[in-house]
Protein backbone atom coordinates (compact mmCIF):
# COMPACT_ATOMS: atom_id res chain seq x y z
CA MET A 1 0.04 0.04 0.00
CA LYS A 2 1.56 3.28 -1.14
CA LYS A 3 -0.15 6.72 -0.98
CA GLN A 4 0.88 10.08 -1.92
CA ASN A 5 -0.41 11.90 1.19
CA TYR A 6 0.36 10.85 4.74
CA ILE A 7 -1.88 12.60 7.38
CA PHE A 8 -0.38 12.24 10.92
CA ASP A 9 -1.63 13.00 14.26
CA LEU A 10 1.10 14.39 16.52
CA TYR A 11 0.97 13.48 20.20
CA GLY A 12 1.09 9.95 20.79
CA THR A 13 1.76 9.22 17.07
CA LEU A 14 4.96 11.05 16.05
CA CYS A 15 6.03 12.03 19.58
CA ASP A 16 5.45 11.30 23.23
CA ILE A 17 4.43 13.97 25.65
CA HIS A 18 3.21 14.20 29.16
CA THR A 19 1.85 17.41 30.91
CA ASN A 20 0.16 18.15 34.14
CA GLU A 21 -1.94 21.33 34.33
CA SER A 22 -3.16 20.77 37.90
CA LYS A 23 0.08 20.83 39.98
CA ALA A 24 0.25 23.66 42.31
CA ASN A 25 3.79 24.67 41.48
CA LEU A 26 2.71 25.42 37.96
CA TRP A 27 0.06 27.83 39.15
CA LYS A 28 2.35 29.40 41.78
CA LYS A 29 4.95 30.21 38.89
CA MET A 30 2.15 31.43 36.63
CA ALA A 31 0.84 33.80 39.36
CA GLU A 32 4.37 35.13 39.82
CA ILE A 33 4.51 35.82 36.01
CA TYR A 34 1.17 37.50 35.91
CA GLY A 35 1.92 39.52 39.05
CA SER A 36 5.17 40.62 37.43
CA TYR A 37 3.11 42.51 34.81
CA GLY A 38 0.65 43.92 37.22
CA ALA A 39 -2.12 41.18 37.07
CA CYS A 40 -1.87 40.11 40.69
CA TYR A 41 -3.60 36.70 41.56
CA ASP A 42 -3.34 34.26 44.33
CA TRP A 43 -2.32 31.12 42.51
CA ARG A 44 -5.57 29.20 43.50
CA ASP A 45 -7.59 32.07 42.14
CA LEU A 46 -5.51 32.19 38.96
CA LYS A 47 -6.10 28.39 38.53
CA LYS A 48 -9.85 28.78 39.08
CA SER A 49 -10.14 31.74 36.83
CA TYR A 50 -8.34 29.91 33.99
CA GLY A 51 -10.70 26.89 34.19
CA LYS A 52 -13.68 29.20 34.30
CA LEU A 53 -12.58 31.18 31.32
CA CYS A 54 -11.91 27.90 29.28
CA SER A 55 -15.39 26.77 30.00
CA GLU A 56 -16.94 30.08 29.01
CA GLU A 57 -14.96 30.22 25.74
CA SER A 58 -15.79 26.59 25.07
CA ALA A 59 -19.57 27.11 25.68
CA LEU A 60 -19.70 30.14 23.39
CA LEU A 61 -17.82 28.51 20.60
CA GLU A 62 -19.88 25.22 20.78
CA LYS A 63 -23.05 27.25 19.97
CA LYS A 64 -21.32 28.28 16.70
CA MET A 65 -19.21 25.30 15.68
CA GLY A 66 -20.88 22.30 17.45
CA LYS A 67 -19.72 19.77 20.17
CA PHE A 68 -16.24 19.44 18.78
CA ALA A 69 -15.38 23.16 18.95
CA GLU A 70 -11.74 23.98 19.76
CA ILE A 71 -11.04 27.36 21.55
CA GLU A 72 -7.93 29.42 21.06
CA LEU A 73 -6.20 29.46 24.43
CA ARG A 74 -4.42 32.70 23.57
CA THR A 75 -7.79 34.31 24.33
CA VAL A 76 -7.96 32.86 27.82
CA PHE A 77 -4.29 34.00 28.69
CA GLN A 78 -5.17 37.47 27.43
CA ARG A 79 -8.41 37.60 29.41
CA LEU A 80 -6.60 36.81 32.54
CA PHE A 81 -4.59 39.96 32.14
CA GLU A 82 -7.62 42.04 31.07
CA ASN A 83 -9.67 40.87 34.12
CA LYS A 84 -7.08 42.71 36.24
CA GLY A 85 -7.10 45.81 34.03
CA ILE A 86 -3.92 45.15 32.15
CA VAL A 87 -3.58 45.68 28.53
CA VAL A 88 -0.93 43.56 26.84
CA ASP A 89 0.20 42.81 23.30
CA GLU A 90 0.18 39.54 21.45
CA SER A 91 3.84 38.84 21.98
CA LEU A 92 3.56 38.80 25.68
CA VAL A 93 0.41 36.65 25.48
CA ASP A 94 2.38 34.15 23.46
CA TYR A 95 5.23 34.30 25.94
CA VAL A 96 3.02 33.61 28.87
CA ALA A 97 1.34 30.68 26.95
CA VAL A 98 4.65 28.99 25.96
CA THR A 99 5.88 29.54 29.53
CA PHE A 100 2.71 27.83 30.81
CA ARG A 101 3.28 24.86 28.45
CA VAL A 102 6.90 24.44 29.40
CA LEU A 103 6.07 24.57 33.18
CA SER A 104 3.39 21.95 32.74
CA ARG A 105 5.35 19.64 30.52
CA SER A 106 7.55 16.81 31.91
CA VAL A 107 8.20 14.61 28.80
CA LEU A 108 8.59 15.39 25.04
CA TYR A 109 10.51 13.39 22.58
CA VAL A 110 10.20 11.89 19.12
CA TYR A 111 9.50 8.29 18.89
CA MET A 112 12.15 5.96 17.61
CA GLY A 113 11.82 5.37 13.81
CA ILE A 114 9.89 8.48 13.07
CA TRP A 115 12.74 10.23 11.36
CA ASP A 116 13.29 7.39 9.05
CA LEU A 117 9.54 7.12 8.25
CA LEU A 118 9.08 10.75 7.35
CA ASP A 119 12.27 10.97 5.38
CA GLU A 120 11.53 7.86 3.39
CA ILE A 121 8.06 9.16 2.55
CA HIS A 122 9.80 12.20 1.05
CA ASP A 123 12.37 10.03 -0.70
CA LYS A 124 9.69 8.08 -2.34
CA GLY A 125 7.76 11.24 -3.55
CA GLY A 126 5.12 11.42 -0.93
CA LYS A 127 4.10 14.23 1.36
CA ASN A 128 3.72 14.48 5.19
CA TYR A 129 0.83 16.39 6.73
CA LEU A 130 -0.25 16.98 10.34
CA LEU A 131 -3.75 16.96 11.59
CA SER A 132 -3.70 17.72 15.38
CA ASN A 133 -6.05 18.47 18.16
CA ALA A 134 -3.83 20.98 19.62
CA GLN A 135 -3.03 24.66 20.47
CA ASN A 136 -0.97 26.57 17.81
CA VAL A 137 0.85 28.50 20.57
CA PHE A 138 2.00 25.30 22.13
CA THR A 139 2.45 23.05 19.09
CA ILE A 140 4.43 25.08 16.73
CA PRO A 141 7.32 25.87 19.17
CA GLU A 142 7.30 22.11 20.11
CA LEU A 143 7.38 21.07 16.41
CA LYS A 144 10.39 23.26 15.97
CA MET A 145 12.17 22.21 19.05
CA LEU A 146 11.67 18.56 18.03
CA GLY A 147 12.91 19.13 14.53
CA LEU A 148 9.65 17.96 13.01
CA TYR A 149 8.51 21.35 11.65
CA ASP A 150 10.51 21.25 8.42
CA LYS A 151 9.58 17.62 7.68
CA LEU A 152 6.01 18.50 7.26
CA ASP A 153 4.56 19.79 4.03
CA GLY A 154 1.37 21.11 5.68
CA ILE A 155 0.11 21.72 9.32
CA TYR A 156 -3.49 21.84 10.29
CA ILE A 157 -4.04 22.53 13.92
CA SER A 158 -7.38 22.54 15.61
CA SER A 159 -7.19 25.87 17.51
CA ASP A 160 -6.63 27.72 14.20
CA LYS A 161 -9.82 26.25 12.70
CA ARG A 162 -11.95 26.28 15.93
CA MET A 163 -12.76 22.65 15.44
CA LYS A 164 -11.08 19.26 16.20
CA LYS A 165 -11.21 15.67 15.42
CA PRO A 166 -13.50 13.68 14.94
CA ASP A 167 -15.44 16.61 13.40
CA PRO A 168 -15.08 15.45 9.54
CA ARG A 169 -15.00 19.22 8.57
CA PHE A 170 -11.59 19.46 10.15
CA LEU A 171 -10.07 16.78 7.87
CA GLU A 172 -12.13 17.89 4.94
CA GLY A 173 -10.61 21.32 5.41
CA LEU A 174 -7.05 20.01 5.25
CA LEU A 175 -7.83 17.93 2.15
CA GLU A 176 -9.40 20.98 0.44
CA GLU A 177 -6.64 23.34 1.54
CA TYR A 178 -3.93 21.24 0.27
CA GLY A 179 -5.76 19.91 -2.84
CA LEU A 180 -5.35 16.19 -1.62
CA LYS A 181 -7.37 13.34 -3.31
CA LYS A 182 -8.93 10.99 -0.75
CA GLU A 183 -7.94 7.83 -2.56
CA GLU A 184 -4.21 9.14 -2.42
CA SER A 185 -4.44 9.92 1.29
CA ILE A 186 -4.23 8.02 4.64
CA MET A 187 -4.77 9.03 8.23
CA ILE A 188 -2.26 7.82 10.79
CA GLY A 189 -2.93 8.07 14.40
CA ASN A 190 -3.12 6.52 17.93
CA ASP A 191 -6.54 7.34 18.96
CA ARG A 192 -9.48 5.38 17.58
CA THR A 193 -12.19 7.73 18.82
CA THR A 194 -10.54 10.76 16.94
CA ASP A 195 -8.00 9.72 14.21
CA ILE A 196 -9.82 6.62 13.01
CA VAL A 197 -13.40 8.00 13.36
CA ILE A 198 -12.61 10.97 11.30
CA ALA A 199 -10.90 9.02 8.63
CA ASN A 200 -13.89 6.83 8.37
CA SER A 201 -16.29 9.68 8.25
CA CYS A 202 -14.39 11.25 5.31
CA GLY A 203 -13.99 8.05 3.42
CA ILE A 204 -10.20 7.73 3.47
CA ASP A 205 -7.94 4.89 4.56
CA SER A 206 -6.43 4.83 8.13
CA LEU A 207 -3.78 3.26 10.27
CA TYR A 208 -4.14 2.91 13.87
CA ILE A 209 -0.98 2.82 16.04
CA HIS A 210 -1.47 1.55 19.60
CA SER A 211 1.12 3.78 21.40
CA ASN A 212 2.01 4.27 24.97
CA ASN A 213 -0.32 7.20 24.88
CA SER A 214 -3.25 5.30 23.47
CA TYR A 215 -6.15 4.38 25.62
CA THR A 216 -5.61 0.68 26.71
CA ASN A 217 -9.25 -0.28 26.48
CA LEU A 218 -9.38 0.93 22.77
CA LYS A 219 -6.75 -1.77 21.58
CA LYS A 220 -9.79 -3.29 19.92
CA ALA A 221 -12.32 -1.24 18.09
CA ALA A 222 -15.55 -0.77 20.09
CA SER A 223 -17.68 -0.10 16.95
CA LYS A 224 -17.49 -0.09 13.24
CA ASN A 225 -16.41 3.56 12.82
CA GLN A 226 -13.41 2.77 15.10
CA GLU A 227 -12.06 0.09 12.76
CA ALA A 228 -8.84 1.17 10.94
CA THR A 229 -7.83 -0.06 7.54
CA TYR A 230 -4.50 -1.07 8.99
CA GLU A 231 -3.40 -1.63 12.63
CA VAL A 232 -0.06 -1.85 14.48
CA LEU A 233 -0.83 -2.85 18.00
CA ASP A 234 2.59 -2.94 19.43
CA GLY A 235 3.65 0.64 18.59
CA ASN A 236 6.49 -0.43 16.28
CA ILE A 237 7.14 2.43 13.92
CA TYR A 238 9.18 0.22 11.58
CA ARG A 239 6.20 -2.04 11.10
CA VAL A 240 4.27 1.18 10.40
CA LYS A 241 6.72 2.13 7.82
CA ASP A 242 6.50 -1.37 6.17
CA ILE A 243 2.76 -1.01 5.82
CA LEU A 244 2.81 2.50 4.57
CA LEU A 245 5.67 2.21 2.05
CA LYS A 246 5.78 -1.48 0.99
């Protein structure tokens, strides 16, 4: 099976990541950062305000975009300043957001074999695309830090489009924007409920990778729309390469 367009999920598929946004030390440091710019919060109040604003933004967007709406977290970080009467520019908002991500993140690395896979796809004339449920302000810096950014021919991130997998409009948007034919494309991901469901909804082939970041109870498809065209249940990227490029 050889395709022209390989559409990858990111976290749990190309790279491993672990974050913890509930730990007290994260919010204590973030309260210090906000306070340094005049937006003074007790760390507990900051955490509570962040959660409340995320819920408010999500509720508003869902009315417009539906149940799989994806907010832009930059708006939340900016509103946390504005709620204290502080006006800030976009560059400071991005700095605060990236700092939040770094402080919350404990693990980030590319899975073994990914470099070979992406390079061989290019060597054989194929193209690599990213379709990720993610925040642009977090993900673009991480892609660059990991060295993945320049290996991708197209990047489609949910926060930019205000919708996420498994909403079929999200994948259809990528296909349309880059002029990709469905019969020449395949979706590769580690989550049956998002990556595989969206591929099936759009009528393209899929490959499910059961990685260390997959839900254990979804090793087997629970329903027809979670069944992938191909499956690698041991997370072996070299087996993935054999399937995709044989």
